Amino acid sequence: TAGTGSEVTPISILTTGKAEKKGVVDPVLLPDWAILDPALTLTLPPKVTAATGIDAMVHAIEAYTSRLKKNELSDAFAKMALRLLSENIHKVVSGDSNLEGRLAMLKGSLYAGIAFANAPVAAVHALAYPIGSHFHVPHGLSNSLMLPHVLKYNVQDPTAEALYAELAPLICGLYRSSSSSSSEKAADLIAYYNSLPLELGLETRLQEVGVSGEEDIELLATEAMKQTRLLPNNPREVLLEDALRIYEEAY
């Protein structure tokens, strides 16, 4: 798929016997060579194409806003990734045999992989992991479900708002004018990711993927707090009560 960027990351994610996702991180996981062939992605179902494409976008966004290891290299790759992915995701989900668009998505996924290999992902992934491990929701869709709600939570932090505003002009169709304020640009970014999953035919609420009621939400929030590899990277601290509210908004 054009999504994980795993061909350029030193990270492997395993689901343990306790329905918990854990990461194995080591440079030995990096391949010597990786071949990106867009023809191999032509037969992907539209929903898989959409979900994995948004997954790659999440990698770029979270790398760009990563609190601890954000750097010029990761920023450059994150921007290149987001531009390519946003310009092509609708084209490839439409079902056309668009090799040029498929190659652009693969490049975007790769660039996003390089970005988050150098500046790790954060709360979107931390809150998405329990959805996948407990409710068997594909990873890309789990990220898509949580992305707009984590963006809305993070944007209350001035640093995150400024960074989201920097990314907004890269998103196809979002740039309004040079006079738009940072808050307006950040709001545009959030609005885009609220509408994108609907436009691509993906589920947008947790209740649509098997999450049922307060007990499940409490389970998800408790499990998300175990993602101590990821949560410190978030631009705004996420506590248990914050995770609960984010899941409730996504429900």
Protein backbone atom coordinates (compact mmCIF):
# COMPACT_ATOMS: atom_id res chain seq x y z
CA THR A 1 0.00 0.00 0.00
CA ALA A 2 0.96 3.66 -0.25
CA GLY A 3 0.69 4.25 3.46
CA THR A 4 3.06 2.86 6.04
CA GLY A 5 6.39 4.01 4.68
CA SER A 6 7.85 0.98 6.43
CA GLU A 7 10.44 0.56 3.69
CA VAL A 8 12.37 3.51 5.16
CA THR A 9 11.67 3.21 8.89
CA PRO A 10 13.47 1.27 11.64
CA ILE A 11 10.14 0.39 13.26
CA SER A 12 8.05 -2.77 13.42
CA ILE A 13 4.67 -2.86 15.18
CA LEU A 14 3.48 -6.08 16.78
CA THR A 15 0.14 -6.95 18.35
CA THR A 16 0.82 -8.90 21.53
CA GLY A 17 -1.33 -11.65 22.96
CA LYS A 18 -2.94 -9.06 25.23
CA ALA A 19 -4.47 -7.13 22.32
CA GLU A 20 -1.89 -4.41 22.75
CA LYS A 21 0.31 -2.93 20.03
CA LYS A 22 3.98 -2.47 20.81
CA GLY A 23 6.82 -1.14 18.73
CA VAL A 24 10.19 -2.69 18.01
CA VAL A 25 12.68 0.01 16.99
CA ASP A 26 16.14 -0.84 15.67
CA PRO A 27 18.25 0.22 12.67
CA VAL A 28 18.64 -3.42 11.61
CA LEU A 29 15.03 -3.23 10.39
CA LEU A 30 16.03 -0.78 7.66
CA PRO A 31 16.31 -2.48 4.24
CA ASP A 32 19.24 -1.94 1.92
CA TRP A 33 16.95 -1.41 -1.05
CA ALA A 34 13.26 -0.69 -1.57
CA ILE A 35 11.40 -0.80 -4.88
CA LEU A 36 8.25 1.28 -5.23
CA ASP A 37 6.14 -0.09 -8.10
CA PRO A 38 2.82 1.75 -8.58
CA ALA A 39 1.45 -1.10 -10.71
CA LEU A 40 1.30 -3.25 -7.57
CA THR A 41 -1.16 -0.82 -5.97
CA LEU A 42 -3.62 -0.58 -8.86
CA THR A 43 -5.83 -3.38 -7.54
CA LEU A 44 -6.12 -2.02 -4.01
CA PRO A 45 -9.78 -1.52 -3.03
CA PRO A 46 -10.77 2.17 -2.82
CA LYS A 47 -11.23 2.07 0.97
CA VAL A 48 -7.79 0.55 1.51
CA THR A 49 -6.28 3.14 -0.81
CA ALA A 50 -8.06 5.93 1.09
CA ALA A 51 -7.22 4.71 4.59
CA THR A 52 -3.57 4.03 3.88
CA GLY A 53 -3.26 7.38 2.12
CA ILE A 54 -4.58 9.18 5.20
CA ASP A 55 -2.22 7.08 7.32
CA ALA A 56 0.69 8.52 5.33
CA MET A 57 -0.70 12.01 5.82
CA VAL A 58 -0.81 11.42 9.57
CA HIS A 59 2.84 10.40 9.48
CA ALA A 60 3.73 13.69 7.79
CA ILE A 61 1.61 15.86 10.10
CA GLU A 62 2.78 14.21 13.30
CA ALA A 63 6.43 14.31 12.22
CA TYR A 64 6.11 18.03 11.47
CA THR A 65 4.64 18.71 14.90
CA SER A 66 6.68 16.15 16.87
CA ARG A 67 7.69 17.82 20.12
CA LEU A 68 11.01 16.15 20.93
CA LYS A 69 12.83 15.39 17.68
CA LYS A 70 11.38 17.70 15.02
CA ASN A 71 14.19 18.89 12.76
CA GLU A 72 14.87 20.48 9.38
CA LEU A 73 15.24 17.14 7.62
CA SER A 74 11.98 15.71 8.93
CA ASP A 75 10.20 19.00 8.20
CA ALA A 76 11.34 19.02 4.57
CA PHE A 77 10.22 15.44 3.94
CA ALA A 78 6.93 15.97 5.77
CA LYS A 79 6.09 18.95 3.58
CA MET A 80 6.98 17.13 0.36
CA ALA A 81 4.88 14.17 1.49
CA LEU A 82 1.82 16.19 2.39
CA ARG A 83 1.84 18.08 -0.90
CA LEU A 84 2.04 14.88 -2.98
CA LEU A 85 -0.51 12.98 -0.93
CA SER A 86 -3.12 15.75 -0.84
CA GLU A 87 -2.80 16.40 -4.57
CA ASN A 88 -3.31 12.76 -5.54
CA ILE A 89 -5.44 10.93 -2.96
CA HIS A 90 -8.78 11.76 -4.61
CA LYS A 91 -7.43 10.76 -8.02
CA VAL A 92 -6.33 7.29 -6.94
CA VAL A 93 -9.39 6.54 -4.78
CA SER A 94 -11.65 7.25 -7.76
CA GLY A 95 -10.66 3.87 -9.18
CA ASP A 96 -8.90 5.07 -12.31
CA SER A 97 -5.77 3.20 -13.42
CA ASN A 98 -3.70 6.28 -12.68
CA LEU A 99 -0.07 5.12 -12.54
CA GLU A 100 1.23 8.67 -12.18
CA GLY A 101 -1.04 9.32 -9.21
CA ARG A 102 -0.22 5.96 -7.67
CA LEU A 103 3.51 6.66 -7.96
CA ALA A 104 3.00 10.07 -6.36
CA MET A 105 1.21 8.39 -3.44
CA LEU A 106 4.06 5.90 -3.03
CA LYS A 107 6.59 8.74 -3.04
CA GLY A 108 4.48 10.66 -0.54
CA SER A 109 4.29 7.62 1.71
CA LEU A 110 8.05 7.13 1.47
CA TYR A 111 8.79 10.78 2.23
CA ALA A 112 6.41 10.66 5.20
CA GLY A 113 8.18 7.49 6.37
CA ILE A 114 11.54 9.26 6.30
CA ALA A 115 9.97 12.17 8.19
CA PHE A 116 8.57 10.15 11.06
CA ALA A 117 11.63 7.89 11.21
CA ASN A 118 13.47 11.04 12.26
CA ALA A 119 10.68 12.79 14.19
CA PRO A 120 8.35 10.20 15.78
CA VAL A 121 4.57 10.17 15.61
CA ALA A 122 2.39 11.09 18.55
CA ALA A 123 -1.17 11.15 19.92
CA VAL A 124 -3.05 10.23 16.74
CA HIS A 125 -1.17 6.95 16.61
CA ALA A 126 -1.31 6.47 20.38
CA LEU A 127 -5.10 6.74 20.37
CA ALA A 128 -5.47 4.75 17.16
CA TYR A 129 -3.52 1.69 18.33
CA PRO A 130 -6.13 0.46 20.85
CA ILE A 131 -8.89 0.79 18.24
CA GLY A 132 -6.96 -1.57 16.00
CA SER A 133 -5.90 -4.05 18.63
CA HIS A 134 -9.23 -4.31 20.48
CA PHE A 135 -11.73 -3.80 17.65
CA HIS A 136 -9.68 -5.13 14.72
CA VAL A 137 -9.96 -1.91 12.76
CA PRO A 138 -7.27 -1.45 10.07
CA HIS A 139 -4.51 0.89 11.17
CA GLY A 140 -5.06 3.51 8.48
CA LEU A 141 -8.76 3.74 9.27
CA SER A 142 -8.02 3.96 13.00
CA ASN A 143 -5.73 6.92 12.32
CA SER A 144 -8.31 8.52 10.06
CA LEU A 145 -10.95 8.24 12.79
CA MET A 146 -8.76 9.97 15.37
CA LEU A 147 -6.94 12.56 13.25
CA PRO A 148 -9.46 15.45 13.17
CA HIS A 149 -10.20 15.11 16.87
CA VAL A 150 -6.55 15.10 17.91
CA LEU A 151 -5.94 18.09 15.62
CA LYS A 152 -8.81 19.92 17.33
CA TYR A 153 -7.31 19.09 20.73
CA ASN A 154 -3.76 20.06 19.78
CA VAL A 155 -4.67 23.33 18.06
CA GLN A 156 -5.39 24.86 21.45
CA ASP A 157 -1.62 24.88 21.94
CA PRO A 158 -0.13 28.02 20.25
CA THR A 159 2.90 26.15 18.94
CA ALA A 160 0.76 23.44 17.37
CA GLU A 161 -1.58 26.03 15.87
CA ALA A 162 1.34 27.81 14.20
CA LEU A 163 2.68 24.55 12.78
CA TYR A 164 -0.72 23.49 11.44
CA ALA A 165 -0.99 26.92 9.81
CA GLU A 166 2.33 26.29 8.05
CA LEU A 167 1.04 22.98 6.68
CA ALA A 168 -2.36 24.27 5.52
CA PRO A 169 -1.11 25.95 2.30
CA LEU A 170 0.40 22.61 1.21
CA ILE A 171 -3.01 20.95 1.20
CA CYS A 172 -4.66 21.03 -2.18
CA GLY A 173 -7.42 23.67 -2.25
CA LEU A 174 -6.87 25.08 1.24
CA TYR A 175 -4.77 28.15 0.59
CA ARG A 176 -6.99 31.24 0.70
CA SER A 177 -4.63 34.21 0.75
CA SER A 178 -1.41 35.43 2.28
CA SER A 179 -3.45 37.57 4.65
CA SER A 180 -5.18 34.61 6.32
CA SER A 181 -4.29 34.40 10.00
CA SER A 182 -2.60 31.41 11.60
CA SER A 183 -5.82 30.50 13.39
CA GLU A 184 -7.79 30.57 10.13
CA LYS A 185 -5.24 28.42 8.33
CA ALA A 186 -5.12 25.91 11.20
CA ALA A 187 -8.93 25.82 11.24
CA ASP A 188 -8.90 25.12 7.50
CA LEU A 189 -6.55 22.20 8.03
CA ILE A 190 -8.85 20.68 10.65
CA ALA A 191 -11.91 21.22 8.46
CA TYR A 192 -10.15 19.49 5.58
CA TYR A 193 -9.48 16.39 7.66
CA ASN A 194 -13.02 16.41 8.98
CA SER A 195 -14.38 16.20 5.44
CA LEU A 196 -11.73 14.12 3.66
CA PRO A 197 -12.74 10.70 5.07
CA LEU A 198 -16.38 11.33 4.10
CA GLU A 199 -15.34 12.33 0.59
CA LEU A 200 -13.29 9.14 0.29
CA GLY A 201 -16.06 6.85 1.57
CA LEU A 202 -14.56 5.98 4.95
CA GLU A 203 -16.26 5.55 8.30
CA THR A 204 -15.96 8.67 10.46
CA ARG A 205 -17.33 7.67 13.89
CA LEU A 206 -16.11 5.08 16.37
CA GLN A 207 -19.60 3.64 16.69
CA GLU A 208 -19.42 2.70 13.01
CA VAL A 209 -16.46 0.36 13.63
CA GLY A 210 -17.76 -1.57 16.63
CA VAL A 211 -17.01 0.70 19.59
CA SER A 212 -20.08 0.60 21.80
CA GLY A 213 -20.67 2.94 24.70
CA GLU A 214 -18.80 4.38 27.66
CA GLU A 215 -17.20 1.11 28.77
CA ASP A 216 -15.44 0.73 25.44
CA ILE A 217 -14.35 4.37 25.45
CA GLU A 218 -12.86 3.96 28.93
CA LEU A 219 -11.03 0.84 27.74
CA LEU A 220 -9.60 2.71 24.77
CA ALA A 221 -8.46 5.66 26.88
CA THR A 222 -6.81 3.41 29.45
CA GLU A 223 -5.00 1.47 26.74
CA ALA A 224 -3.91 4.63 24.93
CA MET A 225 -2.13 5.83 28.07
CA LYS A 226 0.17 2.81 27.76
CA GLN A 227 1.64 4.25 24.55
CA THR A 228 4.51 5.91 26.37
CA ARG A 229 6.73 5.67 23.29
CA LEU A 230 4.39 8.00 21.41
CA LEU A 231 2.55 10.35 23.76
CA PRO A 232 5.63 12.40 24.80
CA ASN A 233 6.03 13.41 21.14
CA ASN A 234 2.67 15.17 21.05
CA PRO A 235 2.81 18.98 20.96
CA ARG A 236 0.23 19.10 23.77
CA GLU A 237 0.25 16.79 26.77
CA VAL A 238 -2.49 14.14 26.73
CA LEU A 239 -3.75 12.89 30.08
CA LEU A 240 -6.33 10.17 30.70
CA GLU A 241 -9.18 12.65 30.97
CA ASP A 242 -8.08 14.27 27.71
CA ALA A 243 -8.05 10.91 25.92
CA LEU A 244 -11.54 10.20 27.21
CA ARG A 245 -12.83 13.49 25.81
CA ILE A 246 -11.16 12.93 22.45
CA TYR A 247 -12.66 9.44 22.13
CA GLU A 248 -16.06 10.76 23.18
CA GLU A 249 -15.92 13.39 20.44
CA ALA A 250 -14.93 10.72 17.93
CA TYR A 251 -17.68 8.34 19.05
